[in-house]
Amino acid sequence: DRDKVIQALMVISTGKASEKQGEFFKRNHPYQPVLTTTFEPPAIDKAKGVLNEVGSRTGMWRTENKLPPIEQMAKKVMLSELYEYLYAATSEIVHFNVRIALRSGWGTGKNEFSFSPSNFAKFYGQFSRVYAAYIWINFCRVFRSALRLSSEFMYAVDAVELAIEGVNRWPELVTYEEMNLPQNDNIILRALLAVQQGERVEKLRKKHARRKTRMQSASS
């Protein structure tokens, strides 16, 4: 079923893309040769039929001729909060957003500001590193059996998880800095959070060590 759905989506998405590019180039760049048709209508109709058949038979989705929105799929597998968080982060960046535009302006005086994406370059770099690693870790754990990931590979996954868990501050969607607000400097609260983080890191470190021991035992 998985392979059938992937093949069907490939046919449908490729057909749509070639059709749209044909319309665009015909109007804007007519002398450039481009693919305007990749799959005949019967092939696309057949692919849509596959989606309907698999969806109705398995009960995974009921949307005609296509998969359900990613939001519904995320709810189905209990990942709503991850989807909503990352969707909010990525959609704001790639589409026009007043908040994103305004927070790129920084300055030392009241009337002098410099608007540039470079003002948030470090933030976006850290955001990409942390959450790309987070998604990769979860992907490897969920699909370990299907991808037949080895113990050695999962040992590396554990190491990456341990590394990002040790990062004190994961990038937020809305930062204290852009809102010109001080971070909570309650010493007791910070101490409790540090203890909690330390316990989490230690738990992961022990898990990492146990996997290494099992690997060494298996190799010997």
N, C-alpha and C. Protein backbone atom coordinates (compact mmCIF):
# COMPACT_ATOMS: atom_id res chain seq x y z
N ASP A 1 0.83 -1.21 0.00
CA ASP A 1 0.00 0.00 0.00
C ASP A 1 0.86 1.26 0.00
N ARG A 2 1.91 1.23 0.82
CA ARG A 2 2.80 2.39 0.90
C ARG A 2 3.43 2.68 -0.46
N ASP A 3 3.92 1.64 -1.11
CA ASP A 3 4.56 1.82 -2.41
C ASP A 3 3.56 2.29 -3.46
N LYS A 4 2.34 1.75 -3.40
CA LYS A 4 1.30 2.16 -4.35
C LYS A 4 0.99 3.64 -4.19
N VAL A 5 0.87 4.08 -2.94
CA VAL A 5 0.54 5.49 -2.68
C VAL A 5 1.67 6.40 -3.16
N ILE A 6 2.90 6.01 -2.90
CA ILE A 6 4.05 6.82 -3.32
C ILE A 6 4.08 6.96 -4.83
N GLN A 7 3.86 5.84 -5.54
CA GLN A 7 3.87 5.88 -7.00
C GLN A 7 2.72 6.74 -7.54
N ALA A 8 1.55 6.62 -6.92
CA ALA A 8 0.40 7.41 -7.36
C ALA A 8 0.64 8.89 -7.15
N LEU A 9 1.20 9.25 -6.00
CA LEU A 9 1.47 10.66 -5.72
C LEU A 9 2.52 11.21 -6.67
N MET A 10 3.49 10.39 -7.03
CA MET A 10 4.51 10.84 -7.97
C MET A 10 3.88 11.18 -9.32
N VAL A 11 2.99 10.31 -9.80
CA VAL A 11 2.32 10.55 -11.08
C VAL A 11 1.48 11.82 -11.02
N ILE A 12 0.68 11.96 -9.97
CA ILE A 12 -0.21 13.12 -9.84
C ILE A 12 0.56 14.42 -9.72
N SER A 13 1.57 14.45 -8.83
CA SER A 13 2.32 15.69 -8.60
C SER A 13 3.14 16.08 -9.83
N THR A 14 3.71 15.09 -10.52
CA THR A 14 4.48 15.39 -11.72
C THR A 14 3.57 15.93 -12.82
N GLY A 15 2.38 15.33 -12.95
CA GLY A 15 1.43 15.80 -13.94
C GLY A 15 1.00 17.24 -13.69
N LYS A 16 0.73 17.56 -12.42
CA LYS A 16 0.32 18.92 -12.07
C LYS A 16 1.44 19.91 -12.34
N ALA A 17 2.67 19.54 -11.94
CA ALA A 17 3.81 20.45 -12.10
C ALA A 17 4.09 20.75 -13.57
N SER A 18 4.05 19.71 -14.40
CA SER A 18 4.32 19.93 -15.83
C SER A 18 3.23 20.77 -16.48
N GLU A 19 1.98 20.58 -16.05
CA GLU A 19 0.88 21.38 -16.59
C GLU A 19 1.04 22.85 -16.22
N LYS A 20 1.40 23.10 -14.95
CA LYS A 20 1.55 24.48 -14.49
C LYS A 20 2.73 25.17 -15.15
N GLN A 21 3.83 24.42 -15.33
CA GLN A 21 4.98 25.06 -15.96
C GLN A 21 4.72 25.34 -17.43
N GLY A 22 3.89 24.50 -18.06
CA GLY A 22 3.53 24.75 -19.44
C GLY A 22 2.77 26.06 -19.58
N GLU A 23 1.83 26.30 -18.66
CA GLU A 23 1.06 27.54 -18.69
C GLU A 23 1.93 28.75 -18.42
N PHE A 24 2.86 28.61 -17.48
CA PHE A 24 3.73 29.74 -17.12
C PHE A 24 4.66 30.12 -18.26
N PHE A 25 5.34 29.11 -18.81
CA PHE A 25 6.32 29.40 -19.85
C PHE A 25 5.66 29.86 -21.15
N LYS A 26 4.47 29.38 -21.42
CA LYS A 26 3.75 29.80 -22.62
C LYS A 26 3.51 31.30 -22.60
N ARG A 27 3.27 31.83 -21.40
CA ARG A 27 2.95 33.26 -21.27
C ARG A 27 4.20 34.11 -21.04
N ASN A 28 5.18 33.60 -20.33
CA ASN A 28 6.29 34.42 -19.89
C ASN A 28 7.63 34.15 -20.59
N HIS A 29 7.82 32.95 -21.11
CA HIS A 29 9.11 32.60 -21.72
C HIS A 29 8.86 31.59 -22.84
N PRO A 30 8.06 31.98 -23.86
CA PRO A 30 7.52 31.03 -24.84
C PRO A 30 8.55 30.35 -25.72
N TYR A 31 9.76 30.91 -25.83
CA TYR A 31 10.75 30.32 -26.72
C TYR A 31 11.60 29.25 -26.02
N GLN A 32 11.35 29.02 -24.73
CA GLN A 32 12.10 27.96 -24.03
C GLN A 32 11.34 26.65 -24.10
N PRO A 33 11.97 25.57 -24.62
CA PRO A 33 11.30 24.28 -24.64
C PRO A 33 11.20 23.69 -23.24
N VAL A 34 10.01 23.31 -22.84
CA VAL A 34 9.79 22.70 -21.52
C VAL A 34 8.80 21.55 -21.67
N LEU A 35 8.82 20.65 -20.70
CA LEU A 35 7.83 19.59 -20.66
C LEU A 35 6.48 20.18 -20.25
N THR A 36 5.48 19.96 -21.06
CA THR A 36 4.15 20.45 -20.73
C THR A 36 3.20 19.32 -20.36
N THR A 37 3.54 18.11 -20.77
CA THR A 37 2.77 16.93 -20.37
C THR A 37 3.73 15.79 -20.08
N THR A 38 3.53 15.13 -18.98
CA THR A 38 4.39 14.02 -18.60
C THR A 38 3.62 12.71 -18.50
N PHE A 39 2.37 12.79 -18.07
CA PHE A 39 1.52 11.60 -17.97
C PHE A 39 0.18 11.91 -18.63
N GLU A 40 -0.32 10.98 -19.38
CA GLU A 40 -1.60 11.16 -20.04
C GLU A 40 -2.73 11.15 -19.00
N PRO A 41 -3.86 11.81 -19.30
CA PRO A 41 -4.98 11.86 -18.35
C PRO A 41 -5.41 10.50 -17.81
N PRO A 42 -5.45 9.42 -18.62
CA PRO A 42 -5.84 8.12 -18.06
C PRO A 42 -4.90 7.65 -16.96
N ALA A 43 -3.60 7.94 -17.10
CA ALA A 43 -2.63 7.53 -16.09
C ALA A 43 -2.85 8.29 -14.78
N ILE A 44 -3.17 9.58 -14.91
CA ILE A 44 -3.42 10.40 -13.73
C ILE A 44 -4.72 9.96 -13.05
N ASP A 45 -5.73 9.68 -13.84
CA ASP A 45 -7.00 9.20 -13.27
C ASP A 45 -6.79 7.87 -12.55
N LYS A 46 -5.97 7.01 -13.12
CA LYS A 46 -5.69 5.72 -12.50
C LYS A 46 -4.99 5.92 -11.16
N ALA A 47 -4.04 6.87 -11.11
CA ALA A 47 -3.31 7.15 -9.87
C ALA A 47 -4.26 7.67 -8.80
N LYS A 48 -5.19 8.54 -9.19
CA LYS A 48 -6.17 9.05 -8.23
C LYS A 48 -7.06 7.92 -7.73
N GLY A 49 -7.37 6.99 -8.61
CA GLY A 49 -8.18 5.84 -8.21
C GLY A 49 -7.47 4.98 -7.19
N VAL A 50 -6.16 4.86 -7.34
CA VAL A 50 -5.37 4.10 -6.37
C VAL A 50 -5.47 4.72 -4.99
N LEU A 51 -5.37 6.05 -4.92
CA LEU A 51 -5.47 6.74 -3.63
C LEU A 51 -6.84 6.50 -3.00
N ASN A 52 -7.87 6.58 -3.81
CA ASN A 52 -9.23 6.33 -3.30
C ASN A 52 -9.37 4.92 -2.77
N GLU A 53 -8.85 3.96 -3.53
CA GLU A 53 -9.00 2.55 -3.16
C GLU A 53 -8.27 2.25 -1.85
N VAL A 54 -7.02 2.68 -1.76
CA VAL A 54 -6.23 2.41 -0.56
C VAL A 54 -6.82 3.13 0.64
N GLY A 55 -7.22 4.38 0.45
CA GLY A 55 -7.77 5.16 1.55
C GLY A 55 -9.05 4.57 2.09
N SER A 56 -9.97 4.16 1.20
CA SER A 56 -11.25 3.62 1.65
C SER A 56 -11.08 2.22 2.25
N ARG A 57 -10.16 1.43 1.69
CA ARG A 57 -9.98 0.07 2.19
C ARG A 57 -9.31 0.04 3.55
N THR A 58 -8.33 0.91 3.76
CA THR A 58 -7.60 0.92 5.03
C THR A 58 -8.26 1.81 6.06
N GLY A 59 -9.11 2.74 5.62
CA GLY A 59 -9.73 3.66 6.55
C GLY A 59 -8.81 4.78 6.99
N MET A 60 -7.67 4.94 6.29
CA MET A 60 -6.70 5.95 6.68
C MET A 60 -7.12 7.35 6.25
N TRP A 61 -7.86 7.47 5.12
CA TRP A 61 -8.34 8.77 4.69
C TRP A 61 -9.56 8.60 3.80
N ARG A 62 -10.34 9.65 3.71
CA ARG A 62 -11.57 9.62 2.92
C ARG A 62 -11.60 10.71 1.86
N THR A 63 -10.53 11.52 1.79
CA THR A 63 -10.50 12.61 0.83
C THR A 63 -10.44 12.05 -0.58
N GLU A 64 -11.29 12.55 -1.46
CA GLU A 64 -11.34 12.04 -2.83
C GLU A 64 -10.08 12.42 -3.61
N ASN A 65 -9.49 11.42 -4.24
CA ASN A 65 -8.40 11.58 -5.19
C ASN A 65 -7.09 12.11 -4.63
N LYS A 66 -6.96 12.25 -3.34
CA LYS A 66 -5.71 12.75 -2.78
C LYS A 66 -5.62 12.38 -1.30
N LEU A 67 -4.43 12.54 -0.76
CA LEU A 67 -4.24 12.29 0.67
C LEU A 67 -4.86 13.44 1.47
N PRO A 68 -5.15 13.19 2.74
CA PRO A 68 -5.68 14.27 3.58
C PRO A 68 -4.59 15.31 3.85
N PRO A 69 -4.96 16.50 4.30
CA PRO A 69 -3.95 17.50 4.64
C PRO A 69 -2.97 16.97 5.69
N ILE A 70 -1.75 17.49 5.65
CA ILE A 70 -0.71 17.06 6.59
C ILE A 70 -1.17 17.23 8.03
N GLU A 71 -1.96 18.27 8.27
CA GLU A 71 -2.46 18.52 9.63
C GLU A 71 -3.26 17.33 10.15
N GLN A 72 -4.14 16.78 9.31
CA GLN A 72 -4.93 15.62 9.72
C GLN A 72 -4.06 14.39 9.91
N MET A 73 -3.06 14.24 9.04
CA MET A 73 -2.15 13.10 9.17
C MET A 73 -1.36 13.18 10.47
N ALA A 74 -0.96 14.41 10.84
CA ALA A 74 -0.21 14.59 12.09
C ALA A 74 -1.06 14.21 13.30
N LYS A 75 -2.34 14.59 13.28
CA LYS A 75 -3.24 14.23 14.38
C LYS A 75 -3.39 12.72 14.49
N LYS A 76 -3.42 12.06 13.33
CA LYS A 76 -3.62 10.61 13.29
C LYS A 76 -2.50 9.88 14.02
N VAL A 77 -1.29 10.41 13.94
CA VAL A 77 -0.14 9.75 14.57
C VAL A 77 0.34 10.49 15.82
N MET A 78 -0.53 11.31 16.39
CA MET A 78 -0.25 11.99 17.67
C MET A 78 0.96 12.91 17.60
N LEU A 79 1.10 13.65 16.48
CA LEU A 79 2.21 14.59 16.35
C LEU A 79 1.72 16.00 16.05
N SER A 80 0.53 16.33 16.56
CA SER A 80 -0.07 17.63 16.26
C SER A 80 0.81 18.79 16.72
N GLU A 81 1.35 18.70 17.94
CA GLU A 81 2.11 19.84 18.46
C GLU A 81 3.40 20.05 17.68
N LEU A 82 4.04 18.95 17.23
CA LEU A 82 5.25 19.08 16.42
C LEU A 82 4.92 19.71 15.07
N TYR A 83 3.85 19.23 14.46
CA TYR A 83 3.44 19.77 13.16
C TYR A 83 3.10 21.26 13.27
N GLU A 84 2.29 21.63 14.27
CA GLU A 84 1.85 23.01 14.40
C GLU A 84 3.04 23.93 14.65
N TYR A 85 3.98 23.49 15.46
CA TYR A 85 5.15 24.30 15.79
C TYR A 85 6.02 24.54 14.56
N LEU A 86 6.38 23.46 13.85
CA LEU A 86 7.26 23.59 12.70
C LEU A 86 6.55 24.25 11.53
N TYR A 87 5.25 23.99 11.39
CA TYR A 87 4.50 24.63 10.30
C TYR A 87 4.46 26.14 10.53
N ALA A 88 4.21 26.54 11.78
CA ALA A 88 4.19 27.97 12.08
C ALA A 88 5.54 28.61 11.79
N ALA A 89 6.61 27.92 12.16
CA ALA A 89 7.95 28.46 11.96
C ALA A 89 8.30 28.59 10.48
N THR A 90 8.06 27.54 9.72
CA THR A 90 8.48 27.55 8.32
C THR A 90 7.56 28.39 7.44
N SER A 91 6.26 28.35 7.69
CA SER A 91 5.34 29.11 6.83
C SER A 91 5.53 30.61 7.02
N GLU A 92 5.84 31.03 8.24
CA GLU A 92 6.07 32.46 8.48
C GLU A 92 7.29 32.96 7.73
N ILE A 93 8.28 32.09 7.58
CA ILE A 93 9.53 32.51 6.95
C ILE A 93 9.40 32.57 5.43
N VAL A 94 8.70 31.61 4.84
CA VAL A 94 8.64 31.55 3.38
C VAL A 94 7.50 32.40 2.80
N HIS A 95 6.53 32.79 3.62
CA HIS A 95 5.47 33.67 3.15
C HIS A 95 5.63 35.05 3.80
N PHE A 96 4.98 36.05 3.24
CA PHE A 96 5.10 37.37 3.84
C PHE A 96 4.44 37.37 5.21
N ASN A 97 5.14 37.90 6.18
CA ASN A 97 4.63 37.96 7.54
C ASN A 97 5.14 39.24 8.18
N VAL A 98 4.23 40.05 8.70
CA VAL A 98 4.61 41.35 9.26
C VAL A 98 5.61 41.19 10.41
N ARG A 99 5.34 40.24 11.30
CA ARG A 99 6.23 40.05 12.46
C ARG A 99 7.64 39.69 12.01
N ILE A 100 7.75 38.78 11.05
CA ILE A 100 9.07 38.36 10.58
C ILE A 100 9.79 39.52 9.90
N ALA A 101 9.04 40.33 9.15
CA ALA A 101 9.66 41.48 8.48
C ALA A 101 10.16 42.50 9.49
N LEU A 102 9.35 42.77 10.51
CA LEU A 102 9.72 43.80 11.48
C LEU A 102 10.85 43.35 12.40
N ARG A 103 10.89 42.08 12.75
CA ARG A 103 11.92 41.66 13.70
C ARG A 103 13.31 41.59 13.06
N SER A 104 13.37 41.73 11.74
CA SER A 104 14.68 41.75 11.09
C SER A 104 15.35 43.11 11.21
N GLY A 105 14.64 44.08 11.81
CA GLY A 105 15.21 45.40 11.99
C GLY A 105 15.79 45.57 13.38
N TRP A 106 17.09 45.85 13.45
CA TRP A 106 17.75 46.04 14.74
C TRP A 106 18.60 47.31 14.68
N GLY A 107 18.74 47.95 15.84
CA GLY A 107 19.57 49.15 15.90
C GLY A 107 19.89 49.52 17.34
N THR A 108 20.83 50.43 17.50
CA THR A 108 21.23 50.85 18.84
C THR A 108 20.54 52.13 19.27
N GLY A 109 20.04 52.89 18.30
CA GLY A 109 19.35 54.14 18.63
C GLY A 109 17.87 54.05 18.36
N LYS A 110 17.15 55.09 18.73
CA LYS A 110 15.70 55.08 18.56
C LYS A 110 15.29 55.29 17.10
N ASN A 111 16.13 55.98 16.34
CA ASN A 111 15.73 56.33 14.99
C ASN A 111 16.60 55.69 13.90
N GLU A 112 17.54 54.86 14.29
CA GLU A 112 18.42 54.24 13.31
C GLU A 112 18.31 52.72 13.42
N PHE A 113 17.85 52.11 12.33
CA PHE A 113 17.69 50.66 12.31
C PHE A 113 18.24 50.10 11.01
N SER A 114 18.69 48.90 11.09
CA SER A 114 19.16 48.20 9.91
C SER A 114 18.29 46.97 9.70
N PHE A 115 17.59 46.93 8.57
CA PHE A 115 16.73 45.79 8.27
C PHE A 115 17.48 44.82 7.35
N SER A 116 17.70 43.63 7.84
CA SER A 116 18.44 42.65 7.05
C SER A 116 18.21 41.25 7.61
N PRO A 117 18.09 40.24 6.74
CA PRO A 117 17.97 38.85 7.22
C PRO A 117 19.19 38.43 8.03
N SER A 118 20.32 39.11 7.78
CA SER A 118 21.54 38.73 8.50
C SER A 118 21.44 38.97 10.00
N ASN A 119 20.51 39.85 10.40
CA ASN A 119 20.33 40.10 11.83
C ASN A 119 19.85 38.85 12.57
N PHE A 120 19.23 37.93 11.85
CA PHE A 120 18.74 36.70 12.47
C PHE A 120 19.47 35.48 11.91
N ALA A 121 20.62 35.70 11.30
CA ALA A 121 21.35 34.60 10.67
C ALA A 121 21.73 33.51 11.69
N LYS A 122 22.25 33.92 12.83
CA LYS A 122 22.64 32.94 13.85
C LYS A 122 21.42 32.18 14.37
N PHE A 123 20.32 32.91 14.53
CA PHE A 123 19.09 32.27 15.02
C PHE A 123 18.62 31.20 14.05
N TYR A 124 18.56 31.54 12.76
CA TYR A 124 18.07 30.57 11.78
C TYR A 124 19.04 29.40 11.63
N GLY A 125 20.32 29.68 11.77
CA GLY A 125 21.30 28.59 11.72
C GLY A 125 21.10 27.61 12.86
N GLN A 126 20.91 28.15 14.06
CA GLN A 126 20.69 27.30 15.23
C GLN A 126 19.34 26.59 15.13
N PHE A 127 18.34 27.30 14.64
CA PHE A 127 17.01 26.71 14.49
C PHE A 127 17.08 25.49 13.56
N SER A 128 17.77 25.66 12.45
CA SER A 128 17.89 24.56 11.48
C SER A 128 18.64 23.38 12.07
N ARG A 129 19.71 23.65 12.77
CA ARG A 129 20.51 22.56 13.35
C ARG A 129 19.72 21.77 14.39
N VAL A 130 19.08 22.47 15.29
CA VAL A 130 18.37 21.80 16.39
C VAL A 130 17.17 21.00 15.88
N TYR A 131 16.32 21.65 15.09
CA TYR A 131 15.08 20.97 14.71
C TYR A 131 15.26 19.98 13.56
N ALA A 132 16.26 20.20 12.71
CA ALA A 132 16.57 19.18 11.70
C ALA A 132 17.04 17.90 12.41
N ALA A 133 17.86 18.08 13.43
CA ALA A 133 18.34 16.92 14.20
C ALA A 133 17.18 16.25 14.94
N TYR A 134 16.30 17.08 15.51
CA TYR A 134 15.16 16.54 16.27
C TYR A 134 14.26 15.69 15.36
N ILE A 135 13.95 16.21 14.17
CA ILE A 135 13.10 15.47 13.24
C ILE A 135 13.79 14.19 12.78
N TRP A 136 15.09 14.30 12.49
CA TRP A 136 15.85 13.13 12.04
C TRP A 136 15.86 12.03 13.09
N ILE A 137 16.04 12.41 14.34
CA ILE A 137 16.05 11.44 15.44
C ILE A 137 14.72 10.70 15.51
N ASN A 138 13.63 11.45 15.49
CA ASN A 138 12.32 10.82 15.57
C ASN A 138 12.02 9.96 14.35
N PHE A 139 12.46 10.41 13.18
CA PHE A 139 12.28 9.63 11.96
C PHE A 139 12.99 8.28 12.08
N CYS A 140 14.22 8.30 12.57
CA CYS A 140 15.00 7.07 12.71
C CYS A 140 14.36 6.12 13.71
N ARG A 141 13.81 6.65 14.78
CA ARG A 141 13.20 5.78 15.80
C ARG A 141 11.90 5.15 15.27
N VAL A 142 11.09 5.94 14.58
CA VAL A 142 9.80 5.44 14.09
C VAL A 142 10.00 4.40 12.99
N PHE A 143 10.96 4.66 12.10
CA PHE A 143 11.12 3.79 10.94
C PHE A 143 12.33 2.87 11.06
N ARG A 144 12.79 2.65 12.28
CA ARG A 144 13.98 1.81 12.45
C ARG A 144 13.79 0.42 11.85
N SER A 145 12.65 -0.20 12.16
CA SER A 145 12.40 -1.56 11.67
C SER A 145 12.25 -1.59 10.15
N ALA A 146 11.47 -0.65 9.62
CA ALA A 146 11.23 -0.62 8.18
C ALA A 146 12.52 -0.38 7.39
N LEU A 147 13.41 0.45 7.95
CA LEU A 147 14.66 0.77 7.26
C LEU A 147 15.80 -0.16 7.67
N ARG A 148 15.50 -1.04 8.64
CA ARG A 148 16.50 -2.01 9.13
C ARG A 148 17.78 -1.31 9.58
N LEU A 149 17.60 -0.31 10.42
CA LEU A 149 18.74 0.45 10.93
C LEU A 149 19.49 -0.38 11.96
N SER A 150 20.79 -0.42 11.84
CA SER A 150 21.62 -1.25 12.71
C SER A 150 21.79 -0.62 14.10
N SER A 151 22.31 -1.41 15.01
CA SER A 151 22.58 -0.90 16.36
C SER A 151 23.64 0.18 16.31
N GLU A 152 24.61 0.02 15.41
CA GLU A 152 25.65 1.03 15.28
C GLU A 152 25.06 2.36 14.82
N PHE A 153 24.12 2.26 13.89
CA PHE A 153 23.46 3.48 13.40
C PHE A 153 22.66 4.14 14.52
N MET A 154 21.91 3.34 15.27
CA MET A 154 21.11 3.89 16.36
C MET A 154 21.99 4.46 17.47
N TYR A 155 23.20 3.93 17.59
CA TYR A 155 24.14 4.47 18.56
C TYR A 155 24.50 5.91 18.16
N ALA A 156 24.66 6.14 16.86
CA ALA A 156 24.92 7.49 16.36
C ALA A 156 23.70 8.39 16.58
N VAL A 157 22.51 7.83 16.41
CA VAL A 157 21.28 8.59 16.66
C VAL A 157 21.23 9.03 18.11
N ASP A 158 21.57 8.11 19.01
CA ASP A 158 21.59 8.45 20.44
C ASP A 158 22.56 9.59 20.72
N ALA A 159 23.70 9.57 20.03
CA ALA A 159 24.71 10.60 20.25
C ALA A 159 24.20 11.97 19.82
N VAL A 160 23.48 12.01 18.70
CA VAL A 160 22.91 13.28 18.22
C VAL A 160 21.84 13.77 19.19
N GLU A 161 21.01 12.85 19.68
CA GLU A 161 19.97 13.22 20.64
C GLU A 161 20.59 13.78 21.91
N LEU A 162 21.66 13.16 22.35
CA LEU A 162 22.34 13.63 23.55
C LEU A 162 22.91 15.03 23.33
N ALA A 163 23.40 15.27 22.13
CA ALA A 163 23.99 16.58 21.82
C ALA A 163 22.94 17.68 21.84
N ILE A 164 21.79 17.47 21.20
CA ILE A 164 20.80 18.56 21.15
C ILE A 164 20.09 18.71 22.49
N GLU A 165 20.02 17.61 23.27
CA GLU A 165 19.40 17.73 24.59
C GLU A 165 20.27 18.58 25.51
N GLY A 166 21.57 18.60 25.21
CA GLY A 166 22.49 19.40 26.01
C GLY A 166 22.47 20.88 25.66
N VAL A 167 21.77 21.24 24.59
CA VAL A 167 21.65 22.66 24.21
C VAL A 167 20.70 23.34 25.19
N ASN A 168 21.19 24.34 25.88
CA ASN A 168 20.40 24.97 26.94
C ASN A 168 19.15 25.66 26.42
N ARG A 169 19.26 26.29 25.27
CA ARG A 169 18.13 27.05 24.76
C ARG A 169 17.84 26.67 23.31
N TRP A 170 16.73 26.00 23.11
CA TRP A 170 16.29 25.71 21.75
C TRP A 170 15.64 26.97 21.19
N PRO A 171 15.87 27.29 19.91
CA PRO A 171 15.29 28.50 19.32
C PRO A 171 13.76 28.50 19.38
N GLU A 172 13.20 29.64 19.79
CA GLU A 172 11.75 29.75 19.91
C GLU A 172 11.16 30.45 18.69
N LEU A 173 9.86 30.34 18.54
CA LEU A 173 9.20 31.07 17.45
C LEU A 173 9.21 32.57 17.71
N VAL A 174 8.91 32.94 18.95
CA VAL A 174 8.93 34.35 19.36
C VAL A 174 9.95 34.48 20.48
N THR A 175 10.97 35.28 20.27
CA THR A 175 12.06 35.37 21.24
C THR A 175 11.88 36.56 22.20
N TYR A 176 12.53 36.45 23.34
CA TYR A 176 12.53 37.57 24.28
C TYR A 176 13.17 38.80 23.63
N GLU A 177 14.24 38.55 22.86
CA GLU A 177 15.00 39.65 22.28
C GLU A 177 14.15 40.48 21.32
N GLU A 178 13.42 39.82 20.43
CA GLU A 178 12.64 40.58 19.45
C GLU A 178 11.50 41.35 20.09
N MET A 179 11.03 40.88 21.26
CA MET A 179 9.96 41.57 21.96
C MET A 179 10.50 42.58 22.97
N ASN A 180 11.84 42.72 23.01
CA ASN A 180 12.49 43.65 23.94
C ASN A 180 12.08 43.38 25.39
N LEU A 181 12.03 42.10 25.73
CA LEU A 181 11.67 41.70 27.08
C LEU A 181 12.83 40.93 27.72
N PRO A 182 13.05 41.14 29.01
CA PRO A 182 14.12 40.40 29.69
C PRO A 182 13.69 38.96 29.94
N GLN A 183 14.63 38.04 29.91
CA GLN A 183 14.32 36.66 30.23
C GLN A 183 14.07 36.54 31.73
N ASN A 184 13.31 35.54 32.09
CA ASN A 184 13.02 35.31 33.50
C ASN A 184 14.31 34.99 34.24
N ASP A 185 14.68 35.87 35.17
CA ASP A 185 15.94 35.66 35.90
C ASP A 185 15.72 35.14 37.31
N ASN A 186 14.57 34.51 37.54
CA ASN A 186 14.30 33.90 38.84
C ASN A 186 15.31 32.78 39.08
N ILE A 187 16.14 32.95 40.08
CA ILE A 187 17.23 32.01 40.33
C ILE A 187 16.70 30.62 40.66
N ILE A 188 15.66 30.54 41.45
CA ILE A 188 15.11 29.25 41.85
C ILE A 188 14.55 28.50 40.64
N LEU A 189 13.81 29.25 39.79
CA LEU A 189 13.24 28.64 38.60
C LEU A 189 14.34 28.13 37.67
N ARG A 190 15.37 28.95 37.47
CA ARG A 190 16.48 28.55 36.60
C ARG A 190 17.19 27.32 37.15
N ALA A 191 17.32 27.26 38.46
CA ALA A 191 17.99 26.11 39.08
C ALA A 191 17.17 24.83 38.88
N LEU A 192 15.85 24.94 39.04
CA LEU A 192 14.98 23.78 38.85
C LEU A 192 15.01 23.30 37.41
N LEU A 193 15.01 24.24 36.47
CA LEU A 193 15.07 23.87 35.06
C LEU A 193 16.41 23.22 34.71
N ALA A 194 17.47 23.74 35.33
CA ALA A 194 18.80 23.16 35.09
C ALA A 194 18.87 21.73 35.61
N VAL A 195 18.27 21.50 36.78
CA VAL A 195 18.24 20.15 37.35
C VAL A 195 17.46 19.21 36.45
N GLN A 196 16.31 19.69 35.99
CA GLN A 196 15.47 18.88 35.11
C GLN A 196 16.20 18.51 33.82
N GLN A 197 16.88 19.50 33.25
CA GLN A 197 17.64 19.23 32.03
C GLN A 197 18.78 18.25 32.32
N GLY A 198 19.44 18.44 33.45
CA GLY A 198 20.54 17.55 33.81
C GLY A 198 20.08 16.10 33.96
N GLU A 199 18.90 15.91 34.55
CA GLU A 199 18.36 14.57 34.72
C GLU A 199 18.05 13.94 33.37
N ARG A 200 17.50 14.73 32.48
CA ARG A 200 17.17 14.24 31.13
C ARG A 200 18.44 13.83 30.39
N VAL A 201 19.47 14.69 30.45
CA VAL A 201 20.73 14.40 29.77
C VAL A 201 21.38 13.15 30.36
N GLU A 202 21.35 13.02 31.68
CA GLU A 202 21.96 11.85 32.33
C GLU A 202 21.24 10.57 31.95
N LYS A 203 19.93 10.63 31.84
CA LYS A 203 19.15 9.47 31.42
C LYS A 203 19.54 9.04 30.02
N LEU A 204 19.70 10.01 29.13
CA LEU A 204 20.09 9.70 27.76
C LEU A 204 21.52 9.18 27.71
N ARG A 205 22.40 9.73 28.55
CA ARG A 205 23.78 9.28 28.57
C ARG A 205 23.87 7.81 29.01
N LYS A 206 23.07 7.43 30.00
CA LYS A 206 23.07 6.03 30.45
C LYS A 206 22.52 5.11 29.36
N LYS A 207 21.49 5.58 28.68
CA LYS A 207 20.93 4.81 27.57
C LYS A 207 21.96 4.61 26.48
N HIS A 208 22.71 5.66 26.20
CA HIS A 208 23.76 5.60 25.19
C HIS A 208 24.83 4.59 25.59
N ALA A 209 25.20 4.61 26.87
CA ALA A 209 26.22 3.70 27.38
C ALA A 209 25.75 2.25 27.31
N ARG A 210 24.48 2.00 27.62
CA ARG A 210 23.94 0.64 27.56
C ARG A 210 23.96 0.11 26.13
N ARG A 211 23.62 0.96 25.17
CA ARG A 211 23.65 0.51 23.78
C ARG A 211 25.08 0.16 23.35
N LYS A 212 26.04 0.96 23.80
CA LYS A 212 27.44 0.69 23.48
C LYS A 212 27.88 -0.64 24.06
N THR A 213 27.45 -0.92 25.30
CA THR A 213 27.81 -2.18 25.94
C THR A 213 27.24 -3.37 25.17
N ARG A 214 25.97 -3.23 24.74
CA ARG A 214 25.35 -4.30 23.96
C ARG A 214 26.06 -4.52 22.63
N MET A 215 26.49 -3.44 22.01
CA MET A 215 27.21 -3.55 20.74
C MET A 215 28.54 -4.27 20.93
N GLN A 216 29.25 -3.92 22.01
CA GLN A 216 30.54 -4.56 22.28
C GLN A 216 30.36 -6.04 22.59
N SER A 217 29.29 -6.38 23.31
CA SER A 217 29.02 -7.78 23.65
C SER A 217 28.70 -8.58 22.38
N ALA A 218 27.91 -7.95 21.49
CA ALA A 218 27.53 -8.64 20.26
C ALA A 218 28.73 -8.88 19.35
N SER A 219 29.64 -7.92 19.31
CA SER A 219 30.81 -8.04 18.44
C SER A 219 31.83 -9.04 18.96
N SER A 220 31.84 -9.21 20.30
CA SER A 220 32.79 -10.16 20.89
C SER A 220 32.23 -11.58 20.89
